[in-house]
């Protein structure tokens, strides 16, 4: 799906990912921001990205997917 749809899903509480990622993105309604859950177990506020060009380039992709179970990702394995 396109990022516009992925963003709408995030705003409704879903996690979204891209096929090669070990992590995912979610919406934090309290802080009004996208949180990036990395494959290394980090959680980064999108606004604090060290490389915004790289981060925003993902929003142009059209292969976003809903993530049924975030606990199955590399992100959660890295945190364990």
C-alpha atoms as a PDB file:
ATOM      1  CA  UNK A   1       0.000   0.000   0.000  1.00  0.00           C
ATOM      2  CA  UNK A   2       1.025   3.622  -0.384  1.00  0.00           C
ATOM      3  CA  UNK A   3       2.238   5.563   2.645  1.00  0.00           C
ATOM      4  CA  UNK A   4      -0.950   7.646   2.723  1.00  0.00           C
ATOM      5  CA  UNK A   5      -2.924   4.486   3.535  1.00  0.00           C
ATOM      6  CA  UNK A   6      -0.207   3.201   5.889  1.00  0.00           C
ATOM      7  CA  UNK A   7      -0.317   6.487   7.794  1.00  0.00           C
ATOM      8  CA  UNK A   8      -4.103   6.257   8.087  1.00  0.00           C
ATOM      9  CA  UNK A   9      -3.733   2.734   9.526  1.00  0.00           C
ATOM     10  CA  UNK A  10      -1.094   3.948  11.993  1.00  0.00           C
ATOM     11  CA  UNK A  11      -3.468   6.674  13.159  1.00  0.00           C
ATOM     12  CA  UNK A  12      -6.022   3.903  13.881  1.00  0.00           C
ATOM     13  CA  UNK A  13      -3.541   1.960  16.030  1.00  0.00           C
ATOM     14  CA  UNK A  14      -1.943  -0.430  13.563  1.00  0.00           C
ATOM     15  CA  UNK A  15       1.767  -1.075  13.093  1.00  0.00           C
ATOM     16  CA  UNK A  16       3.103  -0.868   9.523  1.00  0.00           C
ATOM     17  CA  UNK A  17       6.297  -2.161   7.978  1.00  0.00           C
ATOM     18  CA  UNK A  18       8.208  -2.605   4.754  1.00  0.00           C
ATOM     19  CA  UNK A  19       9.117  -6.076   3.445  1.00  0.00           C
ATOM     20  CA  UNK A  20      12.842  -6.024   4.295  1.00  0.00           C
ATOM     21  CA  UNK A  21      12.515  -4.368   7.691  1.00  0.00           C
ATOM     22  CA  UNK A  22      12.972  -6.122  10.994  1.00  0.00           C
ATOM     23  CA  UNK A  23      11.079  -3.298  12.646  1.00  0.00           C
ATOM     24  CA  UNK A  24       7.993  -1.211  12.114  1.00  0.00           C
ATOM     25  CA  UNK A  25       6.401   2.217  12.499  1.00  0.00           C
ATOM     26  CA  UNK A  26       3.530   3.212  14.775  1.00  0.00           C
ATOM     27  CA  UNK A  27       1.645   6.399  15.641  1.00  0.00           C
ATOM     28  CA  UNK A  28       1.988   7.842  19.144  1.00  0.00           C
ATOM     29  CA  UNK A  29      -1.259   9.707  19.690  1.00  0.00           C
ATOM     30  CA  UNK A  30      -0.094  11.311  22.933  1.00  0.00           C
ATOM     31  CA  UNK A  31       2.992  12.862  21.342  1.00  0.00           C
ATOM     32  CA  UNK A  32       1.418  13.216  17.860  1.00  0.00           C
ATOM     33  CA  UNK A  33       4.321  11.621  16.053  1.00  0.00           C
ATOM     34  CA  UNK A  34       5.457   8.506  14.221  1.00  0.00           C
ATOM     35  CA  UNK A  35       7.638   6.161  16.249  1.00  0.00           C
ATOM     36  CA  UNK A  36      10.171   4.033  14.392  1.00  0.00           C
ATOM     37  CA  UNK A  37      10.796   0.693  16.089  1.00  0.00           C
ATOM     38  CA  UNK A  38      14.148  -0.454  14.683  1.00  0.00           C
ATOM     39  CA  UNK A  39      15.409  -3.980  14.158  1.00  0.00           C
ATOM     40  CA  UNK A  40      18.037  -3.217  16.833  1.00  0.00           C
ATOM     41  CA  UNK A  41      15.337  -2.679  19.473  1.00  0.00           C
ATOM     42  CA  UNK A  42      15.443   1.120  19.511  1.00  0.00           C
ATOM     43  CA  UNK A  43      12.360   3.342  19.391  1.00  0.00           C
ATOM     44  CA  UNK A  44      13.021   6.645  17.632  1.00  0.00           C
ATOM     45  CA  UNK A  45      10.665   9.576  17.257  1.00  0.00           C
ATOM     46  CA  UNK A  46      10.584  10.244  13.513  1.00  0.00           C
ATOM     47  CA  UNK A  47      11.205  13.936  14.216  1.00  0.00           C
ATOM     48  CA  UNK A  48      14.521  12.972  15.823  1.00  0.00           C
ATOM     49  CA  UNK A  49      15.848  11.025  12.854  1.00  0.00           C
ATOM     50  CA  UNK A  50      19.574  11.544  12.319  1.00  0.00           C
ATOM     51  CA  UNK A  51      19.050  11.332   8.533  1.00  0.00           C
ATOM     52  CA  UNK A  52      15.680  12.849   7.650  1.00  0.00           C
ATOM     53  CA  UNK A  53      16.318  12.467   3.906  1.00  0.00           C
ATOM     54  CA  UNK A  54      16.759   8.704   4.381  1.00  0.00           C
ATOM     55  CA  UNK A  55      13.756   8.462   6.708  1.00  0.00           C
ATOM     56  CA  UNK A  56      11.406  10.439   4.476  1.00  0.00           C
ATOM     57  CA  UNK A  57      12.451   8.459   1.391  1.00  0.00           C
ATOM     58  CA  UNK A  58      10.559   5.508   2.848  1.00  0.00           C
ATOM     59  CA  UNK A  59       7.314   7.473   2.683  1.00  0.00           C
ATOM     60  CA  UNK A  60       7.533   7.464  -1.135  1.00  0.00           C
ATOM     61  CA  UNK A  61       7.339   3.678  -1.308  1.00  0.00           C
ATOM     62  CA  UNK A  62       4.184   1.814  -2.242  1.00  0.00           C
ATOM     63  CA  UNK A  63       4.921  -1.554  -0.633  1.00  0.00           C
ATOM     64  CA  UNK A  64       3.896  -0.779   2.962  1.00  0.00           C
ATOM     65  CA  UNK A  65       2.234  -3.652   4.826  1.00  0.00           C
ATOM     66  CA  UNK A  66       0.133  -3.998   7.949  1.00  0.00           C
ATOM     67  CA  UNK A  67       1.962  -5.873  10.670  1.00  0.00           C
ATOM     68  CA  UNK A  68      -0.326  -8.407  12.329  1.00  0.00           C
ATOM     69  CA  UNK A  69       1.916  -9.113  15.318  1.00  0.00           C
ATOM     70  CA  UNK A  70       4.773  -6.728  16.196  1.00  0.00           C
ATOM     71  CA  UNK A  71       6.098  -9.206  18.787  1.00  0.00           C
ATOM     72  CA  UNK A  72       7.318 -11.430  15.944  1.00  0.00           C
ATOM     73  CA  UNK A  73       9.753  -8.814  14.594  1.00  0.00           C
ATOM     74  CA  UNK A  74      13.495  -8.473  15.045  1.00  0.00           C
ATOM     75  CA  UNK A  75      12.712  -5.327  17.065  1.00  0.00           C
ATOM     76  CA  UNK A  76      11.146  -7.368  19.863  1.00  0.00           C
ATOM     77  CA  UNK A  77      13.803 -10.098  19.678  1.00  0.00           C
ATOM     78  CA  UNK A  78      16.508  -7.434  20.135  1.00  0.00           C
ATOM     79  CA  UNK A  79      14.738  -6.084  23.216  1.00  0.00           C
ATOM     80  CA  UNK A  80      14.508  -9.523  24.825  1.00  0.00           C
END
